[in-house]
């Protein structure tokens, strides 16, 4: 996964910390699709990839 956009400033330590908390990166296409789905709905949402394991 390329680091660009909102992830450009994150260090390896930041990414490890996020992964340890269960948050994974979203690709550009996936993020845009989730954004489109979020703005089309009426409920508040958080677009994130979660791994609760």
N, C-alpha and C. Protein backbone atom coordinates (compact mmCIF):
# COMPACT_ATOMS: atom_id res chain seq x y z
N UNK A 1 0.85 -1.18 0.00
CA UNK A 1 0.00 0.00 0.00
C UNK A 1 0.89 1.24 0.00
N UNK A 2 0.63 2.13 -0.91
CA UNK A 2 1.40 3.37 -0.96
C UNK A 2 0.96 4.31 0.15
N UNK A 3 1.92 5.04 0.66
CA UNK A 3 1.61 6.07 1.64
C UNK A 3 1.48 7.39 0.92
N UNK A 4 0.28 7.85 0.81
CA UNK A 4 0.03 9.13 0.19
C UNK A 4 -1.20 9.74 0.85
N UNK A 5 -1.54 10.90 0.42
CA UNK A 5 -2.74 11.54 0.96
C UNK A 5 -2.67 11.70 2.46
N UNK A 6 -3.71 11.26 3.13
CA UNK A 6 -3.80 11.44 4.58
C UNK A 6 -2.81 10.57 5.35
N UNK A 7 -2.26 9.53 4.70
CA UNK A 7 -1.30 8.65 5.37
C UNK A 7 0.15 9.08 5.17
N UNK A 8 0.38 10.09 4.37
CA UNK A 8 1.74 10.46 3.98
C UNK A 8 2.62 10.82 5.18
N UNK A 9 2.04 11.38 6.21
CA UNK A 9 2.84 11.83 7.35
C UNK A 9 3.05 10.75 8.42
N UNK A 10 2.42 9.59 8.27
CA UNK A 10 2.51 8.55 9.29
C UNK A 10 3.84 7.81 9.23
N UNK A 11 4.41 7.56 10.39
CA UNK A 11 5.66 6.80 10.47
C UNK A 11 5.34 5.31 10.58
N UNK A 12 6.37 4.48 10.49
CA UNK A 12 6.17 3.04 10.69
C UNK A 12 5.61 2.77 12.08
N UNK A 13 6.07 3.51 13.07
CA UNK A 13 5.56 3.34 14.44
C UNK A 13 4.07 3.69 14.51
N UNK A 14 3.66 4.74 13.82
CA UNK A 14 2.24 5.11 13.77
C UNK A 14 1.41 3.98 13.17
N UNK A 15 1.88 3.42 12.07
CA UNK A 15 1.15 2.34 11.41
C UNK A 15 1.08 1.09 12.28
N UNK A 16 2.17 0.78 12.99
CA UNK A 16 2.14 -0.37 13.91
C UNK A 16 1.16 -0.14 15.04
N UNK A 17 1.12 1.07 15.57
CA UNK A 17 0.20 1.41 16.66
C UNK A 17 -1.25 1.29 16.18
N UNK A 18 -1.53 1.77 14.99
CA UNK A 18 -2.88 1.66 14.44
C UNK A 18 -3.26 0.20 14.23
N UNK A 19 -2.33 -0.59 13.70
CA UNK A 19 -2.59 -2.01 13.47
C UNK A 19 -2.83 -2.74 14.79
N UNK A 20 -2.08 -2.40 15.82
CA UNK A 20 -2.26 -3.03 17.13
C UNK A 20 -3.64 -2.70 17.71
N UNK A 21 -4.18 -1.53 17.35
CA UNK A 21 -5.51 -1.13 17.82
C UNK A 21 -6.61 -1.70 16.93
N UNK A 22 -6.23 -2.41 15.85
CA UNK A 22 -7.21 -3.04 14.99
C UNK A 22 -7.60 -2.25 13.75
N UNK A 23 -6.88 -1.16 13.47
CA UNK A 23 -7.20 -0.34 12.31
C UNK A 23 -6.22 -0.62 11.18
N UNK A 24 -6.76 -0.95 10.01
CA UNK A 24 -5.93 -1.20 8.84
C UNK A 24 -6.10 -0.08 7.83
N UNK A 25 -5.17 0.03 6.89
CA UNK A 25 -5.25 1.09 5.89
C UNK A 25 -6.35 0.80 4.86
N UNK A 26 -6.90 1.85 4.31
CA UNK A 26 -7.86 1.74 3.21
C UNK A 26 -7.17 2.19 1.93
N UNK A 27 -7.38 1.43 0.88
CA UNK A 27 -6.89 1.86 -0.42
C UNK A 27 -7.74 3.01 -0.93
N UNK A 28 -7.23 3.72 -1.91
CA UNK A 28 -7.95 4.89 -2.43
C UNK A 28 -9.33 4.51 -2.95
N UNK A 29 -9.41 3.45 -3.75
CA UNK A 29 -10.70 3.03 -4.31
C UNK A 29 -11.67 2.61 -3.21
N UNK A 30 -11.17 1.86 -2.24
CA UNK A 30 -12.02 1.42 -1.13
C UNK A 30 -12.49 2.61 -0.30
N UNK A 31 -11.60 3.53 -0.02
CA UNK A 31 -11.97 4.71 0.75
C UNK A 31 -13.01 5.56 0.04
N UNK A 32 -12.84 5.74 -1.26
CA UNK A 32 -13.82 6.52 -2.02
C UNK A 32 -15.17 5.83 -2.08
N UNK A 33 -15.17 4.51 -2.23
CA UNK A 33 -16.43 3.76 -2.23
C UNK A 33 -17.14 3.88 -0.89
N UNK A 34 -16.38 3.79 0.20
CA UNK A 34 -16.98 3.94 1.53
C UNK A 34 -17.50 5.36 1.73
N UNK A 35 -16.77 6.34 1.24
CA UNK A 35 -17.23 7.73 1.34
C UNK A 35 -18.53 7.92 0.57
N UNK A 36 -18.59 7.39 -0.65
CA UNK A 36 -19.81 7.51 -1.45
C UNK A 36 -21.00 6.87 -0.74
N UNK A 37 -20.78 5.69 -0.15
CA UNK A 37 -21.85 5.02 0.59
C UNK A 37 -22.27 5.83 1.81
N UNK A 38 -21.31 6.45 2.48
CA UNK A 38 -21.61 7.23 3.68
C UNK A 38 -22.45 8.46 3.36
N UNK A 39 -22.09 9.18 2.31
CA UNK A 39 -22.83 10.41 1.99
C UNK A 39 -24.20 10.10 1.39
N UNK A 40 -24.38 8.89 0.88
CA UNK A 40 -25.68 8.50 0.32
C UNK A 40 -26.68 8.12 1.40
N UNK A 41 -26.20 7.81 2.59
CA UNK A 41 -27.08 7.38 3.67
C UNK A 41 -27.46 8.52 4.60
N UNK A 42 -28.38 8.21 5.50
CA UNK A 42 -28.85 9.21 6.46
C UNK A 42 -28.20 9.08 7.83
N UNK A 43 -27.57 7.95 8.10
CA UNK A 43 -27.00 7.69 9.42
C UNK A 43 -25.53 8.09 9.47
N UNK A 44 -25.06 8.52 10.64
CA UNK A 44 -23.62 8.81 10.78
C UNK A 44 -22.82 7.50 10.71
N UNK A 45 -21.69 7.54 10.05
CA UNK A 45 -20.85 6.35 9.90
C UNK A 45 -19.39 6.72 10.08
N UNK A 46 -18.58 5.71 10.35
CA UNK A 46 -17.13 5.85 10.38
C UNK A 46 -16.59 4.87 9.35
N UNK A 47 -15.92 5.37 8.34
CA UNK A 47 -15.34 4.51 7.32
C UNK A 47 -13.96 4.06 7.80
N UNK A 48 -13.86 2.80 8.17
CA UNK A 48 -12.59 2.28 8.69
C UNK A 48 -12.53 0.78 8.45
N UNK A 49 -11.32 0.28 8.31
CA UNK A 49 -11.10 -1.17 8.25
C UNK A 49 -10.71 -1.60 9.65
N UNK A 50 -11.56 -2.43 10.27
CA UNK A 50 -11.31 -2.88 11.64
C UNK A 50 -11.03 -4.37 11.67
N UNK A 51 -10.08 -4.76 12.50
CA UNK A 51 -9.77 -6.16 12.75
C UNK A 51 -9.79 -6.35 14.26
N UNK A 52 -10.94 -6.78 14.81
CA UNK A 52 -11.06 -6.89 16.26
C UNK A 52 -10.28 -8.05 16.88
N UNK A 53 -9.65 -8.88 16.04
CA UNK A 53 -8.91 -10.03 16.58
C UNK A 53 -7.63 -9.62 17.26
